[in-house]
Amino acid sequence: MSDETPGLAADWTSATVQANGIELHYVRTGTDGPPLVIAHGAFDDALCREPLIAALSGEYDVIAYDGRGHGRSSAPQSGYAMADRVADLVGLLDALEIETATLVGHSMGGDTVAATAGTHPDRVRALALIDPAGLLDSGRDDDPERDHDEIVAAVREQIAEWHDHTTEELIEADPELQAHVEAGEKRLAKRLAAARRRVDPAIVAVFEDGWLDPRETYPDITAPTLLIKADADKAARNQHRSIASQLPDGQLVHVDGAGHTVFRDERERATSELQAFLDSV
């Protein structure tokens, strides 16, 4: 298995722009249709969303970008707070001369696009939040017994471990990546492993800063919003419904059988829910 990262689809472009004082790398389908911007979660990069980009490219001009400290974007040693990540995204829209866009974000990216929609409502046509990080504490994804400092230390150690291995070694050692290989998705497994090797240790600051409080942000989001959550027990689902009710124009969907990586665990169902929502707005 080669340690090289797979190339782009033939009709997609890869470029960088200056945004908020840094270089942001992005891939773009350039297809006809309204712009749709995808923000990935921590440890991923733009092309980790390749299957979703491809699924949406028939109807949207899809732009997926590498967040600061990830992929091929700049990795400054500071500037990882929520306000910085929002400024990065708005700067990307400005640089690409996009007035309004549909925003789709997973985990860390879900918090980023939610905060952007709350503070820059005129830039957001519609919003999809995929298991956003700010909601993890209210579900089954995080262990409430874990101390914040322990989580930060674990993230720092995990990044160092990834950097000590090749892409091939990471794939061989990780059950999730092996499952993709066994399912005939070696290309995606390479994307995910390569993204982990590129993560800069400076992104630990994202975890130190903490996640968005949805109860403070969601009431300010005026765009139509789909909240896609991982599978959860009855009590957690009730919590999610309560929080989702803070969205002025929101709807909530739980994807049965999916963990935090919803679009990798249950891709067909999650993509169908997202496409149905996008068709309705």
Foldseek 3Di string as FASTA:
>chain_A
DDLDADDDDPQKDWDWDQFLNWIKIKIWNPADAEEEEEEEAPLAFQCLCVVLCVVCRVHHGYIYIGFAQWDPIHPDLDQQALVSRLRRVVRVCVRVVQQAHAYEYAACGLQNVLQNLLVPVRRYQEYEYQAYVLLCVLFDNDDPVDDLVNVLVVVLVQLVVLLVDGLVVVLVVDPLSVVCVVVVNVNSSSNSSVRSNSRHSSNSVNSVNPGDNLLVRQLSRQHAYEYEYEDGDPSSVVVVVVSQVSHPRYDYDYDPQGDSVRCSRPVVVVSVVVVVSVVVD
